[in-house]
Structures are given as C-alpha cells and as structure tokens.
Amino acid sequence: MEIGIYSFAETRVDPETGRQQEAGTRIRNLIEEIELADQVGLDVFGVGEHHRPDYAVSAPAVVLAAAAARTRRIRLTSAVSVLGSDDPVRVFQDFAHLDLISRGRAEIMAGRGSFVESFPLFGYELTDYEDLFSEKLDLLLRIREEERIRWSGRHRASIDGLPVLPRPEQDPLPVWVAVGGTPASVVRAATLGLPMALAIIGGAPSRFKPMVELYREAAERAGHDPSTLALSINSHGFLAPDAAQAVELAFPPFAEVMNRIGRERGWPPVSRARFEAETALDGAQVVGDPEQVVEKILHQHELFGHDRFLLQLSVGPMPHTDVLRAIELLGTSVAPSVRREIGGRPS
C-alpha cells in the first residue's frame, strides 16, 4: 500500500475583516512539509485547489513544481484540481511541466470540488456544474491520449487539430477521479477505467463499503479488470507520540474550520464528544498515536482492500512544528508497519 498526505494549505483568517493571513508563510511551510515527507519515505503528497481566504493554494501545480525541485521520489498530485472551472488544456500542460521537472512523479486528481467560489470567478454557471465536469474530464482524457486534438463541446471552444505541448514523461499521465460518495461519480470513474480517490471524512467508514463494491462492479460491467484499478482512501487525521495529545492538538483547529464552514452551509456545531467518538476504530477521524493509526489503516484495508491511503494534515491551521512531527511519525512509524502487514514500497 502507498501511504501519503494531502493538504489544503489552510491559513488563518482575520475574524473581523475575513482576510487571509500569512499566505506566503503557509506556502513556504507547505513546501518544507513535502520535502520532509519525501525524506521519511512517504509515497504521495497532494495539494488542494481553493479560491477562498482560508486556504493558501489556488494553483497546486505551481507549489508542487517548487517541491519537485527539492524532492527525490515522492509522487506529487493535486488533491483536487477543480476541473469544472478550469481549462483541461491548461491543466494538462501544467501537470506535464510538473511531470518533466519531477522526472515522472506527477499525477492529476480531478474532482468537482466541495467549494464553488471558482465557478463565478472564472465565469461559469453553477447550473452547469455537473455538465462542466463531465465534458472537461472527457477533454482531459483525450489530451493525454493524443498530442494533436480534434474536439468540440458545449462549454469550451472547439480544438481543430492543434497540438497540446509539452508531453509528460509518463505515458499516460496518471489521472484519478476524486469522489465524496456520490454513486454517479463512482460509476463514472469505474466506467472510464480510472483510479478513484474516495474521501471518508465523517461517519463510519463501513458505510462506504457499498460504494467501493459499486466501483468494482461498474468497472467490470464496462469491460475493465477491477484488480487493475487503484483505490485511494482519503481521510482527516493527525498524529502525535501520545494519543491524548493528538486529540488535544487536532480538535480545536478542526472545530474552528468545520464550525465556520458549517455556518455557511447550515451544519450543526462540532462537539468534542463526537470528534473523540470518530477517533475510535470504526470512526472516520484517523487521529491518535502511531500504533492507533496503523490499526485504523489496517482495519479499513480489511473493508476496502485499497491501494493507497492519504491523510489530510491538517484540517485547520496548526503550528508548523506539530505538522512536521506528524509527518515524521507517519513516515517513520506508521508506513513501515503498514507495509510489513500488507506490502508496499520499502522505506
């Protein structure tokens, strides 16, 4: 199994003005986190795309390219690229550049996005939200298959036999589809024969087992061998040397973020009791000491048989030193233990 991290590069927001604080510092810290993840033997690092004051990165490929120059073997992916509000030609070119800089370590994780600020920002209608993603994913996959493109659609200008350059080192450039548990999204990924990243950020992970079964069944119906399609489980979490310390560090920033977003969306407030309950073996929060995190990853592997596990570090702004320590524990303690049990790249 591959073990890695993804980050949204969370930033602090001035509560009075709503303005973003210290974006530059957060991005520089993020590059240091990616560098450490590579040094301690983790397999993957993903960076999310957002266009909000509470997250620092709106162009993941730029940050990942900076990290590529300071890393040796870790794979570098978006988490996610909000494809519906972007141009697939430009997305492919950006990640082809990243692939060349990194000598074949780039990936694209395409998703519809859990936030919608990018759609009005780039001139798209939210009523076209689903169609935009489907059409642009089709174009992105065409581009990775063919250097010279003939394509037409409803939401983007046609392309009449033009080349898309440069070409990446990997052929094909890996494209994952990120889903949050919507059956239609699961079936789309399976039908296209694409690897799927499934976000489990709340509730019992066992509830998502039917989604994984649907993915494999739909892939087989579409003529794909399910055993060849990679599955990633992406989860919130945090590590510290002591389990109680991990909860103490993780809960306050988690609650601040979730309650702030909850006020936008009408969610009930997050309670400490609920958070702690979800750190149990059958909960969604992968929070604890290394032994507990290993146990949880192995428990979920029994449910899903997945090929990759990505941990979101962190959900809300945390001291950089605490995040670095969590990365070190994940790479030096958790990943080797998981690999010994179910296989994976040696550290």
Protein backbone atom coordinates (compact mmCIF):
# COMPACT_ATOMS: atom_id res chain seq x y z
CA MET A 1 0.00 0.00 0.00
CA GLU A 2 1.08 3.57 -0.69
CA ILE A 3 0.93 5.93 2.28
CA GLY A 4 0.84 9.69 1.84
CA ILE A 5 -0.51 13.07 2.79
CA TYR A 6 -2.69 15.73 1.28
CA SER A 7 -3.04 19.33 2.38
CA PHE A 8 -5.31 22.26 1.62
CA ALA A 9 -2.65 24.69 2.90
CA GLU A 10 -5.07 26.09 5.46
CA THR A 11 -4.48 29.68 6.55
CA ARG A 12 -5.69 31.85 9.38
CA VAL A 13 -8.43 34.36 8.62
CA ASP A 14 -8.85 37.70 10.33
CA PRO A 15 -12.21 37.27 12.14
CA GLU A 16 -13.08 40.95 11.72
CA THR A 17 -12.17 41.51 8.08
CA GLY A 18 -12.33 37.96 6.72
CA ARG A 19 -8.97 38.48 5.03
CA GLN A 20 -6.35 35.80 4.58
CA GLN A 21 -3.27 35.99 6.78
CA GLU A 22 0.30 34.90 6.04
CA ALA A 23 -0.31 33.03 2.77
CA GLY A 24 3.36 33.23 1.85
CA THR A 25 4.49 31.70 5.12
CA ARG A 26 1.96 28.89 4.77
CA ILE A 27 3.07 28.05 1.24
CA ARG A 28 6.74 28.02 2.23
CA ASN A 29 5.91 25.77 5.19
CA LEU A 30 3.94 23.50 2.86
CA ILE A 31 6.96 23.02 0.61
CA GLU A 32 9.02 22.13 3.68
CA GLU A 33 6.34 19.59 4.66
CA ILE A 34 6.50 17.98 1.22
CA GLU A 35 10.29 17.85 1.42
CA LEU A 36 10.13 16.11 4.81
CA ALA A 37 7.50 13.65 3.57
CA ASP A 38 9.92 12.64 0.83
CA GLN A 39 12.81 12.30 3.26
CA VAL A 40 10.89 9.99 5.64
CA GLY A 41 9.81 7.69 2.81
CA LEU A 42 6.17 8.58 2.20
CA ASP A 43 4.82 7.76 -1.25
CA VAL A 44 2.50 10.62 -2.20
CA PHE A 45 1.82 14.26 -1.37
CA GLY A 46 -1.31 16.02 -2.64
CA VAL A 47 -2.17 19.72 -2.62
CA GLY A 48 -5.71 21.02 -2.96
CA GLU A 49 -7.01 23.86 -5.12
CA HIS A 50 -9.16 26.51 -3.43
CA HIS A 51 -10.14 30.09 -4.09
CA ARG A 52 -11.05 31.14 -0.54
CA PRO A 53 -9.28 33.16 2.15
CA ASP A 54 -8.99 30.15 4.48
CA TYR A 55 -6.74 28.23 2.05
CA ALA A 56 -3.46 29.45 0.57
CA VAL A 57 -3.14 27.49 -2.68
CA SER A 58 -5.15 28.26 -5.80
CA ALA A 59 -2.56 26.79 -8.21
CA PRO A 60 -1.40 23.38 -6.94
CA ALA A 61 0.89 22.68 -9.90
CA VAL A 62 2.99 25.76 -9.07
CA VAL A 63 3.55 24.67 -5.47
CA LEU A 64 4.17 21.07 -6.48
CA ALA A 65 6.72 22.17 -9.08
CA ALA A 66 8.62 24.07 -6.40
CA ALA A 67 8.51 20.94 -4.24
CA ALA A 68 9.63 18.75 -7.16
CA ALA A 69 12.97 20.55 -7.24
CA ARG A 70 13.51 19.71 -3.55
CA THR A 71 12.35 16.08 -3.52
CA ARG A 72 13.60 12.83 -4.99
CA ARG A 73 10.94 10.13 -5.22
CA ILE A 74 7.62 11.16 -3.66
CA ARG A 75 4.72 11.36 -6.11
CA LEU A 76 3.12 14.80 -6.43
CA THR A 77 -0.58 15.25 -7.10
CA SER A 78 -3.37 17.78 -6.95
CA ALA A 79 -5.99 16.99 -4.33
CA VAL A 80 -8.03 18.08 -6.16
CA SER A 81 -7.93 20.05 -9.40
CA VAL A 82 -11.39 21.64 -9.72
CA LEU A 83 -11.71 20.61 -13.33
CA GLY A 84 -15.17 22.03 -13.96
CA SER A 85 -13.97 25.63 -13.56
CA ASP A 86 -10.58 25.15 -15.21
CA ASP A 87 -9.32 24.63 -18.75
CA PRO A 88 -8.31 20.99 -19.33
CA VAL A 89 -5.68 22.06 -21.84
CA ARG A 90 -4.00 24.24 -19.24
CA VAL A 91 -4.39 21.63 -16.50
CA PHE A 92 -2.68 19.05 -18.69
CA GLN A 93 0.11 21.45 -19.65
CA ASP A 94 0.70 22.47 -16.02
CA PHE A 95 1.00 18.87 -14.86
CA ALA A 96 3.04 17.86 -17.91
CA HIS A 97 5.54 20.53 -16.85
CA LEU A 98 5.43 19.17 -13.30
CA ASP A 99 6.00 15.66 -14.63
CA LEU A 100 9.05 16.77 -16.60
CA ILE A 101 10.50 18.73 -13.68
CA SER A 102 9.95 15.82 -11.28
CA ARG A 103 11.13 13.18 -13.78
CA GLY A 104 7.85 11.32 -13.90
CA ARG A 105 6.25 11.84 -10.48
CA ALA A 106 3.19 13.95 -11.34
CA GLU A 107 -0.47 12.98 -11.05
CA ILE A 108 -3.77 14.78 -11.50
CA MET A 109 -6.60 14.15 -9.06
CA ALA A 110 -9.65 15.61 -10.78
CA GLY A 111 -12.77 16.47 -8.83
CA ARG A 112 -15.88 18.59 -8.95
CA GLY A 113 -14.80 20.46 -5.82
CA SER A 114 -16.56 20.82 -2.47
CA PHE A 115 -16.47 24.63 -2.75
CA VAL A 116 -17.89 26.63 -5.63
CA GLU A 117 -16.06 30.00 -5.49
CA SER A 118 -14.01 29.16 -8.58
CA PHE A 119 -17.08 28.94 -10.84
CA PRO A 120 -18.19 32.60 -10.75
CA LEU A 121 -14.52 33.62 -10.53
CA PHE A 122 -13.82 32.07 -13.93
CA GLY A 123 -17.20 32.88 -15.46
CA TYR A 124 -19.09 29.59 -15.19
CA GLU A 125 -22.69 28.98 -14.16
CA LEU A 126 -23.34 26.68 -11.21
CA THR A 127 -26.33 25.30 -13.07
CA ASP A 128 -23.78 23.68 -15.40
CA TYR A 129 -21.78 22.22 -12.51
CA GLU A 130 -22.21 18.55 -13.47
CA ASP A 131 -22.01 19.01 -17.23
CA LEU A 132 -18.86 21.09 -16.94
CA PHE A 133 -17.02 18.35 -15.07
CA SER A 134 -18.13 15.57 -17.42
CA GLU A 135 -17.24 17.48 -20.56
CA LYS A 136 -13.89 18.71 -19.30
CA LEU A 137 -12.88 15.31 -17.96
CA ASP A 138 -13.58 13.93 -21.44
CA LEU A 139 -11.29 16.55 -22.98
CA LEU A 140 -8.54 15.99 -20.40
CA LEU A 141 -8.52 12.26 -21.13
CA ARG A 142 -8.45 12.89 -24.87
CA ILE A 143 -5.46 15.20 -24.46
CA ARG A 144 -3.46 12.65 -22.51
CA GLU A 145 -4.12 10.07 -25.22
CA GLU A 146 -3.33 12.20 -28.27
CA GLU A 147 -0.85 15.01 -28.87
CA ARG A 148 -2.92 16.58 -31.66
CA ILE A 149 -6.54 17.14 -30.69
CA ARG A 150 -9.82 17.42 -32.57
CA TRP A 151 -12.59 18.05 -30.07
CA SER A 152 -15.81 20.01 -29.63
CA GLY A 153 -18.16 20.53 -26.69
CA ARG A 154 -20.75 22.90 -25.24
CA HIS A 155 -18.73 24.79 -22.62
CA ARG A 156 -15.38 25.36 -24.28
CA ALA A 157 -14.19 26.45 -27.71
CA SER A 158 -13.53 23.61 -30.13
CA ILE A 159 -10.00 22.42 -30.89
CA ASP A 160 -9.31 21.65 -34.54
CA GLY A 161 -6.22 19.54 -34.92
CA LEU A 162 -3.92 21.53 -32.62
CA PRO A 163 -1.09 20.02 -30.57
CA VAL A 164 -1.06 20.19 -26.77
CA LEU A 165 2.54 20.51 -25.60
CA PRO A 166 4.79 19.64 -23.87
CA ARG A 167 4.09 15.97 -23.43
CA PRO A 168 4.77 14.48 -19.98
CA GLU A 169 7.44 11.91 -19.21
CA GLN A 170 4.79 9.41 -18.07
CA ASP A 171 2.61 7.92 -20.77
CA PRO A 172 -0.14 8.13 -19.79
CA LEU A 173 -0.02 10.85 -17.17
CA PRO A 174 -1.98 9.40 -14.20
CA VAL A 175 -5.46 10.88 -13.74
CA TRP A 176 -7.50 9.95 -10.67
CA VAL A 177 -11.14 10.86 -10.06
CA ALA A 178 -11.92 12.09 -6.55
CA VAL A 179 -15.38 11.33 -5.18
CA GLY A 180 -17.20 12.02 -1.95
CA GLY A 181 -19.57 9.07 -2.01
CA THR A 182 -21.99 10.05 -4.80
CA PRO A 183 -22.93 6.87 -6.69
CA ALA A 184 -22.98 8.60 -10.09
CA SER A 185 -19.42 9.83 -9.55
CA VAL A 186 -18.30 6.36 -8.53
CA VAL A 187 -19.85 4.81 -11.64
CA ARG A 188 -18.26 7.46 -13.88
CA ALA A 189 -14.77 6.72 -12.57
CA ALA A 190 -15.33 2.99 -12.96
CA THR A 191 -16.79 3.22 -16.45
CA LEU A 192 -13.84 5.31 -17.63
CA GLY A 193 -11.42 2.83 -16.07
CA LEU A 194 -9.83 5.49 -13.87
CA PRO A 195 -8.40 5.08 -10.37
CA MET A 196 -10.67 6.52 -7.69
CA ALA A 197 -9.91 8.52 -4.55
CA LEU A 198 -12.74 8.18 -2.03
CA ALA A 199 -13.00 10.82 0.71
CA ILE A 200 -14.13 9.44 4.08
CA ILE A 201 -14.29 12.42 6.40
CA GLY A 202 -17.30 11.63 8.57
CA GLY A 203 -19.35 8.73 9.87
CA ALA A 204 -18.42 5.07 9.96
CA PRO A 205 -16.10 4.01 7.13
CA SER A 206 -18.08 0.78 6.81
CA ARG A 207 -20.91 2.86 5.32
CA PHE A 208 -18.70 3.41 2.26
CA LYS A 209 -18.11 -0.28 1.53
CA PRO A 210 -21.11 -0.41 -0.89
CA MET A 211 -19.51 2.46 -2.83
CA VAL A 212 -16.30 0.50 -3.27
CA GLU A 213 -18.27 -2.58 -4.30
CA LEU A 214 -20.23 -0.43 -6.79
CA TYR A 215 -16.95 0.89 -8.22
CA ARG A 216 -15.57 -2.57 -8.86
CA GLU A 217 -18.86 -3.94 -10.19
CA ALA A 218 -19.33 -0.98 -12.57
CA ALA A 219 -15.75 -1.30 -13.79
CA GLU A 220 -16.28 -4.96 -14.62
CA ARG A 221 -19.55 -4.17 -16.44
CA ALA A 222 -17.64 -1.60 -18.51
CA GLY A 223 -15.06 -4.18 -19.51
CA HIS A 224 -12.28 -3.19 -17.11
CA ASP A 225 -10.45 -5.55 -14.79
CA PRO A 226 -11.24 -4.21 -11.29
CA SER A 227 -7.97 -5.63 -9.95
CA THR A 228 -6.04 -3.19 -12.15
CA LEU A 229 -7.87 -0.08 -10.90
CA ALA A 230 -6.26 1.63 -7.91
CA LEU A 231 -8.36 2.86 -4.99
CA SER A 232 -7.30 5.54 -2.52
CA ILE A 233 -8.96 6.30 0.80
CA ASN A 234 -8.50 9.96 1.79
CA SER A 235 -9.22 10.90 5.41
CA HIS A 236 -8.86 13.63 8.00
CA GLY A 237 -6.44 12.93 10.81
CA PHE A 238 -3.44 13.76 12.93
CA LEU A 239 -0.63 12.00 14.77
CA ALA A 240 1.31 12.70 17.95
CA PRO A 241 3.50 10.47 20.13
CA ASP A 242 0.64 10.22 22.63
CA ALA A 243 -2.98 9.56 21.62
CA ALA A 244 -4.47 12.08 24.07
CA GLN A 245 -2.05 14.72 22.84
CA ALA A 246 -3.08 14.03 19.23
CA VAL A 247 -6.72 14.74 20.12
CA GLU A 248 -5.81 17.86 22.10
CA LEU A 249 -3.85 19.27 19.17
CA ALA A 250 -6.25 18.25 16.41
CA PHE A 251 -9.68 19.13 17.80
CA PRO A 252 -9.51 22.95 18.23
CA PRO A 253 -8.46 23.74 14.63
CA PHE A 254 -10.78 21.05 13.27
CA ALA A 255 -13.74 22.51 15.17
CA GLU A 256 -12.91 26.07 14.12
CA VAL A 257 -12.87 25.13 10.43
CA MET A 258 -15.89 22.86 10.50
CA ASN A 259 -18.00 25.27 12.54
CA ARG A 260 -17.09 28.17 10.27
CA ILE A 261 -17.96 26.20 7.14
CA GLY A 262 -20.97 24.79 8.95
CA ARG A 263 -22.34 28.29 9.47
CA GLU A 264 -22.15 28.79 5.70
CA ARG A 265 -23.91 25.51 4.95
CA GLY A 266 -26.25 25.04 7.89
CA TRP A 267 -24.39 22.22 9.66
CA PRO A 268 -24.77 21.73 13.41
CA PRO A 269 -21.74 22.64 15.57
CA VAL A 270 -18.99 20.05 16.03
CA SER A 271 -18.76 18.67 19.56
CA ARG A 272 -15.68 17.35 21.31
CA ALA A 273 -17.55 14.17 22.23
CA ARG A 274 -18.46 13.49 18.58
CA PHE A 275 -14.89 14.15 17.46
CA GLU A 276 -13.46 11.77 20.04
CA ALA A 277 -16.02 9.12 19.10
CA GLU A 278 -14.87 9.34 15.50
CA THR A 279 -11.27 8.66 16.54
CA ALA A 280 -12.34 5.15 17.54
CA LEU A 281 -11.52 2.21 15.28
CA ASP A 282 -14.86 2.39 13.45
CA GLY A 283 -14.86 6.20 13.08
CA ALA A 284 -13.68 8.44 10.26
CA GLN A 285 -11.05 10.51 12.12
CA VAL A 286 -7.58 8.98 11.81
CA VAL A 287 -6.27 10.64 14.96
CA GLY A 288 -4.02 9.07 17.55
CA ASP A 289 -0.57 7.74 18.26
CA PRO A 290 1.25 5.73 15.55
CA GLU A 291 0.00 2.38 16.84
CA GLN A 292 -3.63 3.52 16.70
CA VAL A 293 -3.21 4.98 13.22
CA VAL A 294 -1.67 1.73 11.97
CA GLU A 295 -4.56 -0.23 13.46
CA LYS A 296 -7.09 2.04 11.78
CA ILE A 297 -5.45 1.87 8.35
CA LEU A 298 -5.32 -1.92 8.56
CA HIS A 299 -8.95 -2.07 9.72
CA GLN A 300 -10.03 -0.01 6.72
CA HIS A 301 -7.91 -2.14 4.40
CA GLU A 302 -9.92 -5.16 5.52
CA LEU A 303 -13.06 -3.26 4.48
CA PHE A 304 -11.89 -1.84 1.15
CA GLY A 305 -8.70 -3.58 0.01
CA HIS A 306 -7.43 -0.19 -1.13
CA ASP A 307 -4.04 0.56 -2.67
CA ARG A 308 -3.37 4.00 -1.22
CA PHE A 309 -4.13 5.89 1.98
CA LEU A 310 -3.81 9.68 2.14
CA LEU A 311 -4.10 11.60 5.41
CA GLN A 312 -5.14 15.26 5.40
CA LEU A 313 -2.66 17.23 7.51
CA SER A 314 -4.08 19.34 8.83
CA VAL A 315 -7.77 20.26 8.70
CA GLY A 316 -7.28 23.67 10.34
CA PRO A 317 -4.24 25.88 10.95
CA MET A 318 -1.75 24.21 13.30
CA PRO A 319 1.79 25.01 14.42
CA HIS A 320 4.21 24.05 11.68
CA THR A 321 6.37 22.10 14.14
CA ASP A 322 3.43 19.90 15.14
CA VAL A 323 2.63 19.15 11.49
CA LEU A 324 6.27 18.26 10.78
CA ARG A 325 6.30 15.90 13.74
CA ALA A 326 3.11 14.22 12.50
CA ILE A 327 4.66 13.76 9.05
CA GLU A 328 7.76 12.23 10.60
CA LEU A 329 5.67 9.78 12.65
CA LEU A 330 3.61 8.82 9.61
CA GLY A 331 6.71 8.15 7.56
CA THR A 332 8.98 6.51 10.12
CA SER A 333 6.49 4.60 12.30
CA VAL A 334 3.15 4.14 10.55
CA ALA A 335 4.15 3.50 6.93
CA PRO A 336 6.76 0.80 7.70
CA SER A 337 4.31 -1.04 9.96
CA VAL A 338 1.53 -0.98 7.37
CA ARG A 339 3.91 -2.14 4.64
CA ARG A 340 5.06 -5.05 6.75
CA GLU A 341 1.46 -6.18 7.18
CA ILE A 342 0.07 -5.73 3.66
CA GLY A 343 3.01 -4.85 1.41
CA GLY A 344 4.23 -1.69 -0.24
CA ARG A 345 7.37 0.19 -1.09
CA PRO A 346 10.19 -0.35 1.43
CA SER A 347 11.14 2.77 3.37
